[in-house]
Amino acid sequence: MSTMTKRRPSSDSDTERRFAQGQRLQARERHEDAAARYRKVLASNPAHMGALTGLTQCLIATGHQSDAVALLDQAAKDAGRDIPRLFDLAVLCYSVKHNSLARSLYERLLEVDADNVPALINLGVLMDDMGEKQRAVDLLSRAIELRPDSATAYGMLGRTLTGTKLFDDALACYRRSIELNPGIAQTWTNLAALFEILDRQHEALQALQRALTIDPECDAARWNLARMLLATGYTEEGWDMYGFGFACGERQPYRPFPGLIWEGQDLSDKTIMVWREQGLGDDVLFSTCYTDLIARAGHVIIETDRRLVPLYQRTWPEATVRPEEWRSTGLGNYGEVDFDYTAPAGLVAAQLRRRVENFPPAVTPLAPDAARIAECREWLDSLGPGPKLGISWTSGKVDDLRSIYYTQLADWSALFEIEGIKIVNLQYTNVEQEAEALKRERGLTLHRMPGLDLFSDLEGAAALTSCLDVTVGPPSFPISLAGSLGVPTFHYGPARIWTKLGTDRMPWFPSFRCYGVGRSTDKPKLAATIIKDVARFLRG
């Protein structure tokens, strides 16, 4: 996106002195003191964009989001038809994710100046982010019509077309953008993302290396390069760059503990606190490292999703397992620090799983509650004799690109026809409509355990999964849970993904048998292959 306009600062020396003080205080994370300086600047010059930006950031940093929104809303009212001010306000709103106001400001600007190319480009990017793909294409196409030499417009149009799966057109836009200006790092980074989708990993690597040649400090490019290195088997190099995922905001939560991050130091008489990152799937995937970490450390503290605490505590009784407190983001608001070192779970893996050969032949399976297992076995027995297969087929987060890797329940009709088999639902999203259609149209039953909430009750989900003979599914938490329990699993997903570490399997979960899926994959044929393999597996 185009950045703020270059506007001359106020000539008032006292105002600029206070502004500089605010910047220094903000850089030292003294947000309240910085906010006080910025307010004084704005009192004398309400149009000072630097102070408005700093005050907004400080309010958000101190948890006063509603005050930040009110501040921006008032600034928008005061902007009138001042085109540079409208533009700068819109850029600021976008930077703090106040997208509705950013949109309104760009639209107001374009009412005054319909041919403002930077505004057209930025609003196009915003519409893309908000899911209005066609509007984004129209805006970016108009920008190109007005400025056929705009490398930025071509690059952003390539990004939007990638999101609509018009990959050939997207590639052509990126090529044109690079032809016009090969020095835009973001274009190379976005091109690398397209190459990744096209399963052209080595070209993605080259594009990312080009992006970093242009902007060596681009954390997003460094994180994407880390993923590409891991995906292509350069595991040690990839793990060494893994931390940039937190720097660019792609790995969450970011919890800074300066000086305490574990980087492989001896832990024999030390306590290390490990925190979960990303969603539940990554949580259980990285948990496969905890047995090794416990053997190496004096003591291990695991902070995880509240729903997983009893399951983890039962599995690793020698560790301290406690729920993550969302307000505890790092030093300064953590409270008493009762550990010597700390690390997100992925950085533990970066130390203990440097190479594929460092993975154990089997995982320490998670330990569900015995009483819950008994309940699940009783219900499964009530379904009658025969093998019990758990199925998941989609995810709670599916967009145009991720949909490549997911299926419909109806795609698995032939699975229900394996002799004696009982198909058990592991899908935590609402499955009523698909299950009822399968029953009505084909007479096939997807068995759902009464009273079990597969999303909230992870103890129950783990107990049920552990009782199954086999599972089938795509990249999703239910299937990761099956892997962490050691259940034989037929898993379909991206042929090349960083968690496979350059192999054709999932080293984290030795019980997985993997099948690659790409944009040209014939999904009915894929399902038929997996069903045939499942039947053969069940026959022994």
Protein backbone atom coordinates (compact mmCIF):
# COMPACT_ATOMS: atom_id res chain seq x y z
CA MET A 1 0.00 0.00 0.00
CA SER A 2 1.01 3.60 -0.47
CA THR A 3 2.23 5.21 2.73
CA MET A 4 1.41 8.57 4.26
CA THR A 5 2.02 11.74 2.33
CA LYS A 6 5.18 13.67 3.14
CA ARG A 7 3.97 16.75 4.97
CA ARG A 8 6.14 19.43 6.45
CA PRO A 9 6.12 19.49 10.25
CA SER A 10 4.82 22.46 12.16
CA SER A 11 7.30 25.27 12.52
CA ASP A 12 6.42 25.66 16.20
CA SER A 13 9.60 24.56 17.99
CA ASP A 14 7.85 23.76 21.30
CA THR A 15 5.34 21.57 19.52
CA GLU A 16 8.04 19.64 17.69
CA ARG A 17 10.09 19.31 20.86
CA ARG A 18 7.12 17.73 22.67
CA PHE A 19 6.53 15.47 19.67
CA ALA A 20 10.16 14.29 19.74
CA GLN A 21 9.86 13.64 23.48
CA GLY A 22 6.75 11.55 22.82
CA GLN A 23 8.59 9.50 20.20
CA ARG A 24 11.48 8.81 22.56
CA LEU A 25 9.13 7.79 25.38
CA GLN A 26 7.11 5.57 23.06
CA ALA A 27 10.28 3.85 21.82
CA ARG A 28 11.07 3.02 25.47
CA GLU A 29 7.48 1.67 25.87
CA ARG A 30 6.56 4.42 28.34
CA HIS A 31 3.23 4.68 26.58
CA GLU A 32 1.29 6.74 29.13
CA ASP A 33 4.03 9.38 29.36
CA ALA A 34 4.32 9.43 25.57
CA ALA A 35 0.55 9.84 25.26
CA ALA A 36 0.65 12.89 27.52
CA ARG A 37 3.24 14.55 25.23
CA TYR A 38 1.26 13.70 22.11
CA ARG A 39 -1.90 15.20 23.62
CA LYS A 40 -0.07 18.48 24.21
CA VAL A 41 1.08 18.50 20.59
CA LEU A 42 -2.46 17.92 19.35
CA ALA A 43 -3.80 20.64 21.65
CA SER A 44 -1.68 23.19 19.79
CA ASN A 45 -1.88 21.55 16.36
CA PRO A 46 -4.90 19.19 15.89
CA ALA A 47 -3.74 18.32 12.38
CA HIS A 48 -0.33 16.94 13.50
CA MET A 49 -0.40 13.43 11.95
CA GLY A 50 2.71 12.23 13.73
CA ALA A 51 1.23 12.99 17.15
CA LEU A 52 -2.14 11.54 16.17
CA THR A 53 -0.40 8.35 15.03
CA GLY A 54 1.67 8.10 18.19
CA LEU A 55 -1.26 8.76 20.51
CA THR A 56 -3.37 6.15 18.72
CA GLN A 57 -0.61 3.56 19.04
CA CYS A 58 -0.07 4.35 22.72
CA LEU A 59 -3.78 4.07 23.50
CA ILE A 60 -3.91 0.65 21.84
CA ALA A 61 -0.72 -0.48 23.60
CA THR A 62 -2.26 0.38 26.99
CA GLY A 63 -5.54 -1.39 26.27
CA HIS A 64 -7.62 1.73 25.52
CA GLN A 65 -8.86 0.63 22.09
CA SER A 66 -12.21 2.38 22.43
CA ASP A 67 -10.45 5.68 23.16
CA ALA A 68 -8.25 5.15 20.09
CA VAL A 69 -11.32 4.57 17.93
CA ALA A 70 -13.01 7.68 19.33
CA LEU A 71 -9.86 9.71 18.64
CA LEU A 72 -9.75 8.55 15.01
CA ASP A 73 -13.48 9.07 14.52
CA GLN A 74 -13.14 12.68 15.69
CA ALA A 75 -10.11 13.25 13.46
CA ALA A 76 -12.12 11.93 10.51
CA LYS A 77 -14.93 14.41 11.24
CA ASP A 78 -12.41 17.26 11.38
CA ALA A 79 -10.66 16.30 8.13
CA GLY A 80 -13.33 17.77 5.88
CA ARG A 81 -12.28 17.56 2.22
CA ASP A 82 -8.55 17.94 2.84
CA ILE A 83 -7.20 15.27 0.48
CA PRO A 84 -3.72 14.77 2.04
CA ARG A 85 -5.23 14.62 5.52
CA LEU A 86 -7.94 12.16 4.46
CA PHE A 87 -5.29 9.96 2.88
CA ASP A 88 -3.00 10.01 5.91
CA LEU A 89 -5.88 9.27 8.27
CA ALA A 90 -6.97 6.34 6.11
CA VAL A 91 -3.42 4.92 6.16
CA LEU A 92 -3.32 5.26 9.94
CA CYS A 93 -6.72 3.60 10.37
CA TYR A 94 -5.64 0.69 8.18
CA SER A 95 -2.42 0.29 10.16
CA VAL A 96 -4.40 -0.18 13.41
CA LYS A 97 -7.10 -2.32 11.72
CA HIS A 98 -9.89 0.26 11.98
CA ASN A 99 -10.87 -0.87 8.50
CA SER A 100 -14.42 0.47 8.40
CA LEU A 101 -13.21 4.02 8.97
CA ALA A 102 -10.27 3.57 6.58
CA ARG A 103 -12.74 2.55 3.89
CA SER A 104 -14.99 5.53 4.60
CA LEU A 105 -12.03 7.93 4.41
CA TYR A 106 -10.77 6.56 1.10
CA GLU A 107 -14.28 6.73 -0.34
CA ARG A 108 -14.64 10.35 0.83
CA LEU A 109 -11.31 11.17 -0.77
CA LEU A 110 -12.34 9.58 -4.07
CA GLU A 111 -15.55 11.60 -4.09
CA VAL A 112 -13.32 14.69 -4.20
CA ASP A 113 -10.60 13.25 -6.45
CA ALA A 114 -11.90 10.21 -8.34
CA ASP A 115 -8.59 9.65 -10.16
CA ASN A 116 -6.34 9.56 -7.10
CA VAL A 117 -4.25 6.51 -7.93
CA PRO A 118 -2.67 5.92 -4.47
CA ALA A 119 -6.15 6.02 -2.90
CA LEU A 120 -7.51 3.63 -5.54
CA ILE A 121 -4.66 1.20 -4.85
CA ASN A 122 -4.99 1.37 -1.07
CA LEU A 123 -8.77 1.02 -1.13
CA GLY A 124 -8.38 -1.93 -3.51
CA VAL A 125 -6.03 -3.64 -1.04
CA LEU A 126 -8.46 -2.90 1.80
CA MET A 127 -11.40 -4.35 -0.16
CA ASP A 128 -9.32 -7.46 -0.82
CA ASP A 129 -8.64 -7.78 2.91
CA MET A 130 -12.36 -7.37 3.63
CA GLY A 131 -13.29 -10.12 1.17
CA GLU A 132 -14.80 -7.88 -1.53
CA LYS A 133 -12.66 -9.34 -4.30
CA GLN A 134 -14.51 -7.97 -7.31
CA ARG A 135 -14.52 -4.43 -5.90
CA ALA A 136 -10.79 -4.80 -5.27
CA VAL A 137 -10.19 -5.92 -8.87
CA ASP A 138 -12.25 -2.99 -10.20
CA LEU A 139 -10.35 -0.41 -8.12
CA LEU A 140 -6.91 -1.78 -8.95
CA SER A 141 -7.81 -2.11 -12.63
CA ARG A 142 -8.91 1.54 -12.63
CA ALA A 143 -5.58 2.51 -11.06
CA ILE A 144 -3.74 0.66 -13.84
CA GLU A 145 -5.92 2.33 -16.46
CA LEU A 146 -4.91 5.73 -15.08
CA ARG A 147 -1.29 4.74 -14.45
CA PRO A 148 -0.23 1.90 -16.77
CA ASP A 149 3.30 2.21 -15.39
CA SER A 150 2.27 1.58 -11.75
CA ALA A 151 4.24 -1.43 -10.59
CA THR A 152 2.48 -1.23 -7.22
CA ALA A 153 -0.99 -1.47 -8.79
CA TYR A 154 0.02 -4.50 -10.85
CA GLY A 155 1.56 -6.16 -7.81
CA MET A 156 -1.51 -5.62 -5.65
CA LEU A 157 -3.80 -6.83 -8.43
CA GLY A 158 -1.68 -9.99 -8.55
CA ARG A 159 -2.28 -10.43 -4.82
CA THR A 160 -6.05 -10.08 -5.25
CA LEU A 161 -6.19 -12.45 -8.22
CA THR A 162 -4.21 -15.02 -6.25
CA GLY A 163 -6.94 -14.92 -3.62
CA THR A 164 -9.57 -15.67 -6.27
CA LYS A 165 -7.52 -18.59 -7.62
CA LEU A 166 -6.90 -16.88 -11.00
CA PHE A 167 -3.32 -17.99 -10.73
CA ASP A 168 -2.22 -17.49 -14.35
CA ASP A 169 -3.57 -13.94 -14.38
CA ALA A 170 -1.96 -13.27 -11.00
CA LEU A 171 1.40 -14.51 -12.27
CA ALA A 172 1.13 -12.24 -15.31
CA CYS A 173 0.45 -9.24 -13.03
CA TYR A 174 3.48 -10.01 -10.88
CA ARG A 175 5.67 -10.40 -13.95
CA ARG A 176 4.47 -7.03 -15.26
CA SER A 177 5.04 -5.38 -11.86
CA ILE A 178 8.62 -6.70 -11.75
CA GLU A 179 9.21 -5.60 -15.33
CA LEU A 180 8.15 -2.06 -14.40
CA ASN A 181 10.03 -2.00 -11.09
CA PRO A 182 12.06 -5.00 -9.89
CA GLY A 183 12.89 -3.24 -6.63
CA ILE A 184 9.62 -3.72 -4.71
CA ALA A 185 10.23 -6.35 -2.03
CA GLN A 186 6.52 -6.93 -1.37
CA THR A 187 5.95 -7.97 -4.99
CA TRP A 188 8.64 -10.64 -4.72
CA THR A 189 7.22 -11.81 -1.38
CA ASN A 190 3.71 -12.10 -2.80
CA LEU A 191 5.04 -13.85 -5.91
CA ALA A 192 6.72 -16.37 -3.61
CA ALA A 193 3.35 -17.03 -1.96
CA LEU A 194 1.86 -17.76 -5.39
CA PHE A 195 4.73 -20.11 -6.25
CA GLU A 196 4.07 -21.91 -2.97
CA ILE A 197 0.42 -22.43 -3.95
CA LEU A 198 1.56 -23.70 -7.35
CA ASP A 199 3.86 -26.20 -5.60
CA ARG A 200 6.92 -24.49 -7.08
CA GLN A 201 8.90 -24.29 -3.86
CA HIS A 202 12.31 -23.69 -5.31
CA GLU A 203 11.05 -20.71 -7.33
CA ALA A 204 9.39 -19.48 -4.13
CA LEU A 205 12.77 -19.70 -2.39
CA GLN A 206 14.42 -17.67 -5.15
CA ALA A 207 11.69 -15.00 -5.01
CA LEU A 208 12.04 -14.67 -1.24
CA GLN A 209 15.80 -14.40 -1.48
CA ARG A 210 15.31 -11.62 -4.04
CA ALA A 211 12.87 -9.86 -1.68
CA LEU A 212 15.44 -9.98 1.11
CA THR A 213 18.14 -8.65 -1.17
CA ILE A 214 15.94 -5.57 -1.63
CA ASP A 215 14.77 -5.34 2.00
CA PRO A 216 17.00 -7.41 4.30
CA GLU A 217 14.95 -6.37 7.35
CA CYS A 218 11.58 -7.55 6.04
CA ASP A 219 10.38 -9.93 8.78
CA ALA A 220 7.48 -11.24 6.68
CA ALA A 221 9.87 -12.30 3.91
CA ARG A 222 12.23 -13.85 6.46
CA TRP A 223 9.36 -15.86 7.99
CA ASN A 224 8.17 -17.03 4.57
CA LEU A 225 11.73 -18.01 3.72
CA ALA A 226 11.91 -19.98 6.98
CA ARG A 227 8.77 -21.90 5.98
CA MET A 228 10.11 -22.56 2.48
CA LEU A 229 13.44 -23.79 3.84
CA LEU A 230 11.64 -26.16 6.19
CA ALA A 231 9.27 -27.31 3.44
CA THR A 232 12.16 -28.16 1.13
CA GLY A 233 14.16 -30.04 3.74
CA TYR A 234 16.66 -27.34 4.77
CA THR A 235 15.54 -27.87 8.34
CA GLU A 236 18.42 -26.37 10.30
CA GLU A 237 18.46 -23.21 8.18
CA GLY A 238 14.68 -22.96 8.43
CA TRP A 239 14.57 -23.43 12.19
CA ASP A 240 17.23 -20.75 12.60
CA MET A 241 14.81 -18.26 10.99
CA TYR A 242 11.65 -19.56 12.66
CA GLY A 243 11.49 -16.74 15.21
CA PHE A 244 10.78 -14.19 12.48
CA GLY A 245 7.25 -15.59 12.43
CA PHE A 246 6.68 -13.81 15.74
CA ALA A 247 8.43 -10.64 14.60
CA CYS A 248 6.08 -10.24 11.63
CA GLY A 249 2.93 -11.25 13.52
CA GLU A 250 2.28 -14.50 11.63
CA ARG A 251 2.95 -16.61 14.72
CA GLN A 252 0.91 -15.84 17.83
CA PRO A 253 0.99 -14.98 20.62
CA TYR A 254 4.07 -12.81 20.71
CA ARG A 255 5.26 -12.83 24.34
CA PRO A 256 8.56 -10.98 24.72
CA PHE A 257 10.79 -12.16 27.54
CA PRO A 258 14.10 -10.37 26.84
CA GLY A 259 17.12 -12.35 27.95
CA LEU A 260 15.09 -15.43 28.93
CA ILE A 261 14.43 -17.10 25.56
CA TRP A 262 15.90 -20.59 25.46
CA GLU A 263 18.43 -21.07 22.69
CA GLY A 264 19.70 -24.53 23.53
CA GLN A 265 21.44 -23.82 26.87
CA ASP A 266 21.90 -26.64 29.38
CA LEU A 267 18.63 -27.19 31.28
CA SER A 268 19.68 -29.95 33.63
CA ASP A 269 19.15 -27.84 36.77
CA LYS A 270 16.88 -25.19 35.25
CA THR A 271 13.16 -24.54 34.91
CA ILE A 272 11.82 -23.73 31.47
CA MET A 273 8.34 -22.39 30.73
CA VAL A 274 6.92 -23.33 27.31
CA TRP A 275 3.89 -21.58 25.90
CA ARG A 276 1.53 -22.76 23.20
CA GLU A 277 1.40 -20.94 19.88
CA GLN A 278 -1.18 -20.64 17.11
CA GLY A 279 -4.27 -22.85 17.36
CA LEU A 280 -5.04 -26.24 18.84
CA GLY A 281 -3.56 -28.16 15.92
CA ASP A 282 -0.11 -26.61 16.29
CA ASP A 283 -0.42 -26.92 20.07
CA VAL A 284 -0.71 -30.71 20.00
CA LEU A 285 1.77 -31.03 17.13
CA PHE A 286 4.54 -29.30 19.09
CA SER A 287 3.54 -31.13 22.27
CA THR A 288 5.21 -34.20 20.74
CA CYS A 289 8.50 -32.58 21.84
CA TYR A 290 7.59 -32.29 25.52
CA THR A 291 8.72 -35.77 26.61
CA ASP A 292 12.22 -35.03 25.32
CA LEU A 293 12.23 -31.57 26.90
CA ILE A 294 11.16 -32.98 30.29
CA ALA A 295 14.01 -35.51 30.13
CA ARG A 296 16.48 -32.72 29.50
CA ALA A 297 15.27 -30.06 31.97
CA GLY A 298 15.23 -29.80 35.73
CA HIS A 299 11.56 -28.81 35.52
CA VAL A 300 9.14 -27.90 32.74
CA ILE A 301 6.16 -25.57 32.97
CA ILE A 302 3.67 -25.83 30.10
CA GLU A 303 1.21 -22.99 29.47
CA THR A 304 -1.52 -24.04 27.08
CA ASP A 305 -5.15 -23.66 26.10
CA ARG A 306 -7.36 -24.17 29.15
CA ARG A 307 -9.18 -27.04 27.41
CA LEU A 308 -5.94 -29.03 27.10
CA VAL A 309 -4.62 -28.56 30.64
CA PRO A 310 -5.99 -31.78 32.24
CA LEU A 311 -5.01 -33.87 29.21
CA TYR A 312 -1.45 -32.56 29.24
CA GLN A 313 -1.12 -32.83 33.02
CA ARG A 314 -2.18 -36.48 32.93
CA THR A 315 0.29 -37.17 30.10
CA TRP A 316 3.23 -35.41 31.76
CA PRO A 317 2.62 -35.59 35.53
CA GLU A 318 6.20 -34.53 36.27
CA ALA A 319 5.59 -31.16 34.57
CA THR A 320 3.53 -28.20 35.78
CA VAL A 321 0.69 -27.58 33.33
CA ARG A 322 -1.37 -24.42 33.63
CA PRO A 323 -3.72 -22.38 31.45
CA GLU A 324 -2.29 -19.49 29.51
CA GLU A 325 -3.43 -16.11 30.77
CA TRP A 326 -4.15 -13.92 27.76
CA ARG A 327 -3.25 -10.77 29.67
CA SER A 328 0.24 -12.15 30.38
CA THR A 329 2.12 -11.23 27.24
CA GLY A 330 5.64 -11.07 28.65
CA LEU A 331 7.89 -9.34 31.12
CA GLY A 332 6.18 -6.33 32.62
CA ASN A 333 2.75 -7.89 33.03
CA TYR A 334 3.54 -11.54 33.68
CA GLY A 335 3.72 -11.41 37.45
CA GLU A 336 6.27 -13.47 39.34
CA VAL A 337 8.68 -15.16 36.94
CA ASP A 338 9.10 -18.72 38.23
CA PHE A 339 11.39 -20.02 35.48
CA ASP A 340 14.94 -19.59 34.21
CA TYR A 341 14.19 -19.84 30.50
CA THR A 342 11.12 -19.68 28.30
CA ALA A 343 10.17 -20.32 24.67
CA PRO A 344 7.17 -20.74 22.40
CA ALA A 345 6.62 -24.41 21.60
CA GLY A 346 7.94 -24.03 18.04
CA LEU A 347 11.30 -22.78 19.26
CA VAL A 348 11.53 -25.86 21.49
CA ALA A 349 11.06 -27.92 18.34
CA ALA A 350 13.70 -25.80 16.61
CA GLN A 351 16.19 -27.03 19.23
CA LEU A 352 15.06 -30.65 19.66
CA ARG A 353 14.06 -31.48 16.06
CA ARG A 354 16.89 -29.85 14.12
CA ARG A 355 16.90 -32.65 11.54
CA VAL A 356 14.35 -35.22 10.45
CA GLU A 357 16.43 -37.98 12.03
CA ASN A 358 15.91 -36.30 15.43
CA PHE A 359 12.26 -37.37 15.44
CA PRO A 360 11.43 -40.46 17.52
CA PRO A 361 9.87 -43.51 15.83
CA ALA A 362 6.75 -43.11 17.99
CA VAL A 363 5.18 -40.31 20.03
CA THR A 364 4.34 -40.41 23.71
CA PRO A 365 0.57 -40.63 23.29
CA LEU A 366 -1.63 -38.18 25.13
CA ALA A 367 -3.42 -39.83 28.06
CA PRO A 368 -7.20 -39.33 28.06
CA ASP A 369 -9.24 -39.78 31.22
CA ALA A 370 -9.96 -43.47 31.92
CA ALA A 371 -13.59 -42.83 32.90
CA ARG A 372 -14.22 -40.91 29.67
CA ILE A 373 -12.60 -43.70 27.67
CA ALA A 374 -14.98 -46.19 29.29
CA GLU A 375 -17.97 -44.01 28.35
CA CYS A 376 -16.79 -43.79 24.75
CA ARG A 377 -16.13 -47.52 24.47
CA GLU A 378 -19.61 -48.26 25.79
CA TRP A 379 -21.19 -45.97 23.19
CA LEU A 380 -19.04 -47.34 20.36
CA ASP A 381 -19.96 -50.91 21.37
CA SER A 382 -23.63 -49.94 21.16
CA LEU A 383 -23.16 -49.25 17.45
CA GLY A 384 -22.57 -52.92 16.83
CA PRO A 385 -19.58 -55.02 15.77
CA GLY A 386 -17.07 -53.94 13.16
CA PRO A 387 -14.26 -51.39 12.89
CA LYS A 388 -14.88 -47.82 14.04
CA LEU A 389 -13.48 -45.06 11.84
CA GLY A 390 -13.38 -41.38 12.81
CA ILE A 391 -13.75 -38.81 10.06
CA SER A 392 -13.08 -35.09 9.68
CA TRP A 393 -13.33 -33.43 6.27
CA THR A 394 -13.10 -29.66 6.67
CA SER A 395 -11.94 -26.93 9.05
CA GLY A 396 -13.35 -24.04 10.99
CA LYS A 397 -11.22 -21.71 8.82
CA VAL A 398 -11.74 -22.25 5.10
CA ASP A 399 -11.09 -19.57 2.48
CA ASP A 400 -10.71 -19.67 -1.30
CA LEU A 401 -7.13 -20.94 -1.06
CA ARG A 402 -7.47 -23.31 1.89
CA SER A 403 -10.53 -24.91 0.30
CA ILE A 404 -8.13 -26.72 -2.03
CA TYR A 405 -7.24 -29.09 0.81
CA TYR A 406 -10.73 -29.88 2.11
CA THR A 407 -13.60 -32.07 0.94
CA GLN A 408 -17.33 -32.62 1.46
CA LEU A 409 -18.81 -35.39 3.56
CA ALA A 410 -20.57 -36.73 0.45
CA ASP A 411 -17.15 -37.33 -1.17
CA TRP A 412 -16.68 -40.18 1.32
CA SER A 413 -19.88 -42.12 0.62
CA ALA A 414 -17.97 -45.22 -0.46
CA LEU A 415 -16.13 -45.23 2.88
CA PHE A 416 -19.45 -45.94 4.61
CA GLU A 417 -19.90 -49.01 2.43
CA ILE A 418 -16.85 -50.91 3.70
CA GLU A 419 -18.24 -54.10 5.19
CA GLY A 420 -19.13 -53.78 8.88
CA ILE A 421 -17.63 -50.31 9.29
CA LYS A 422 -19.13 -47.63 11.54
CA ILE A 423 -18.22 -44.04 10.64
CA VAL A 424 -17.92 -41.73 13.65
CA ASN A 425 -17.97 -37.94 13.43
CA LEU A 426 -14.89 -36.05 14.66
CA GLN A 427 -15.79 -32.80 12.88
CA TYR A 428 -16.24 -30.02 15.45
CA THR A 429 -18.11 -27.66 13.11
CA ASN A 430 -21.86 -27.91 12.48
CA VAL A 431 -22.39 -31.11 10.47
CA GLU A 432 -26.18 -31.39 10.70
CA GLN A 433 -26.98 -30.40 7.15
CA GLU A 434 -24.40 -32.64 5.49
CA ALA A 435 -25.15 -35.61 7.76
CA GLU A 436 -28.89 -35.37 7.21
CA ALA A 437 -28.44 -35.09 3.43
CA LEU A 438 -26.23 -38.18 3.45
CA LYS A 439 -28.85 -40.10 5.41
CA ARG A 440 -31.77 -38.88 3.27
CA GLU A 441 -30.18 -39.29 -0.15
CA ARG A 442 -28.01 -42.38 0.34
CA GLY A 443 -29.22 -44.05 3.52
CA LEU A 444 -25.81 -43.68 5.17
CA THR A 445 -25.34 -42.83 8.86
CA LEU A 446 -22.67 -40.58 10.33
CA HIS A 447 -22.61 -41.59 14.00
CA ARG A 448 -22.37 -38.70 16.48
CA MET A 449 -21.76 -39.36 20.14
CA PRO A 450 -24.71 -37.91 22.10
CA GLY A 451 -23.89 -35.00 24.38
CA LEU A 452 -20.27 -34.62 23.24
CA ASP A 453 -19.19 -31.11 22.24
CA LEU A 454 -16.14 -31.82 20.10
CA PHE A 455 -15.02 -28.17 20.24
CA SER A 456 -15.27 -27.37 23.95
CA ASP A 457 -14.85 -30.79 25.51
CA LEU A 458 -11.37 -31.79 24.38
CA GLU A 459 -11.15 -34.44 27.11
CA GLY A 460 -14.15 -36.13 25.54
CA ALA A 461 -12.82 -35.65 22.00
CA ALA A 462 -9.47 -37.21 23.00
CA ALA A 463 -11.16 -40.14 24.76
CA LEU A 464 -13.40 -40.87 21.76
CA THR A 465 -10.55 -40.57 19.26
CA SER A 466 -8.32 -42.88 21.29
CA CYS A 467 -10.94 -45.64 21.04
CA LEU A 468 -11.12 -45.63 17.24
CA ASP A 469 -9.44 -48.11 14.95
CA VAL A 470 -8.49 -45.52 12.34
CA THR A 471 -9.16 -41.91 11.34
CA VAL A 472 -9.35 -40.05 8.01
CA GLY A 473 -9.08 -36.31 7.48
CA PRO A 474 -7.39 -33.13 6.19
CA PRO A 475 -5.26 -30.55 8.05
CA SER A 476 -7.43 -29.92 11.12
CA PHE A 477 -7.31 -30.22 14.88
CA PRO A 478 -9.23 -33.54 15.07
CA ILE A 479 -6.62 -35.20 12.86
CA SER A 480 -3.69 -33.66 14.74
CA LEU A 481 -5.29 -34.95 17.93
CA ALA A 482 -5.48 -38.44 16.42
CA GLY A 483 -1.78 -38.22 15.55
CA SER A 484 -0.86 -37.14 19.07
CA LEU A 485 -2.78 -40.16 20.40
CA GLY A 486 -0.95 -42.52 18.04
CA VAL A 487 -4.14 -43.53 16.20
CA PRO A 488 -3.55 -44.86 12.63
CA THR A 489 -4.57 -41.97 10.36
CA PHE A 490 -5.02 -41.49 6.63
CA HIS A 491 -4.23 -37.81 6.16
CA TYR A 492 -4.62 -35.74 3.01
CA GLY A 493 -3.24 -32.21 2.69
CA PRO A 494 -0.64 -30.05 0.92
CA ALA A 495 1.99 -32.14 -0.80
CA ARG A 496 4.62 -29.65 0.34
CA ILE A 497 4.12 -27.93 3.67
CA TRP A 498 6.69 -26.80 6.18
CA THR A 499 5.55 -29.24 8.87
CA LYS A 500 6.52 -32.15 6.59
CA LEU A 501 10.12 -30.87 6.62
CA GLY A 502 10.85 -31.85 3.04
CA THR A 503 9.53 -35.41 3.38
CA ASP A 504 6.40 -37.12 2.06
CA ARG A 505 5.18 -37.85 5.59
CA MET A 506 4.46 -36.01 8.85
CA PRO A 507 7.49 -36.68 11.09
CA TRP A 508 5.61 -35.38 14.15
CA PHE A 509 2.98 -38.10 13.82
CA PRO A 510 4.45 -41.48 12.81
CA SER A 511 0.94 -43.00 12.70
CA PHE A 512 0.04 -40.82 9.69
CA ARG A 513 -0.12 -42.09 6.14
CA CYS A 514 -0.05 -38.95 3.97
CA TYR A 515 -1.62 -38.12 0.60
CA GLY A 516 -0.70 -34.95 -1.29
CA VAL A 517 -3.39 -32.54 -2.47
CA GLY A 518 -2.90 -29.74 -4.97
CA ARG A 519 -5.09 -27.44 -7.05
CA SER A 520 -5.26 -30.01 -9.87
CA THR A 521 -6.01 -32.99 -7.62
CA ASP A 522 -9.02 -35.08 -8.66
CA LYS A 523 -10.70 -35.27 -5.25
CA PRO A 524 -13.09 -38.13 -6.08
CA LYS A 525 -10.08 -40.13 -7.30
CA LEU A 526 -8.14 -39.17 -4.15
CA ALA A 527 -11.02 -40.29 -1.95
CA ALA A 528 -11.28 -43.58 -3.87
CA THR A 529 -7.55 -44.24 -3.34
CA ILE A 530 -7.74 -43.53 0.40
CA ILE A 531 -10.89 -45.65 0.80
CA LYS A 532 -9.19 -48.56 -0.94
CA ASP A 533 -6.16 -48.22 1.33
CA VAL A 534 -8.34 -47.98 4.45
CA ALA A 535 -10.19 -51.16 3.48
CA ARG A 536 -6.89 -52.96 2.94
CA PHE A 537 -5.58 -51.69 6.30
CA LEU A 538 -8.69 -52.91 8.15
CA ARG A 539 -8.42 -56.34 6.58
CA GLY A 540 -4.96 -56.55 8.14
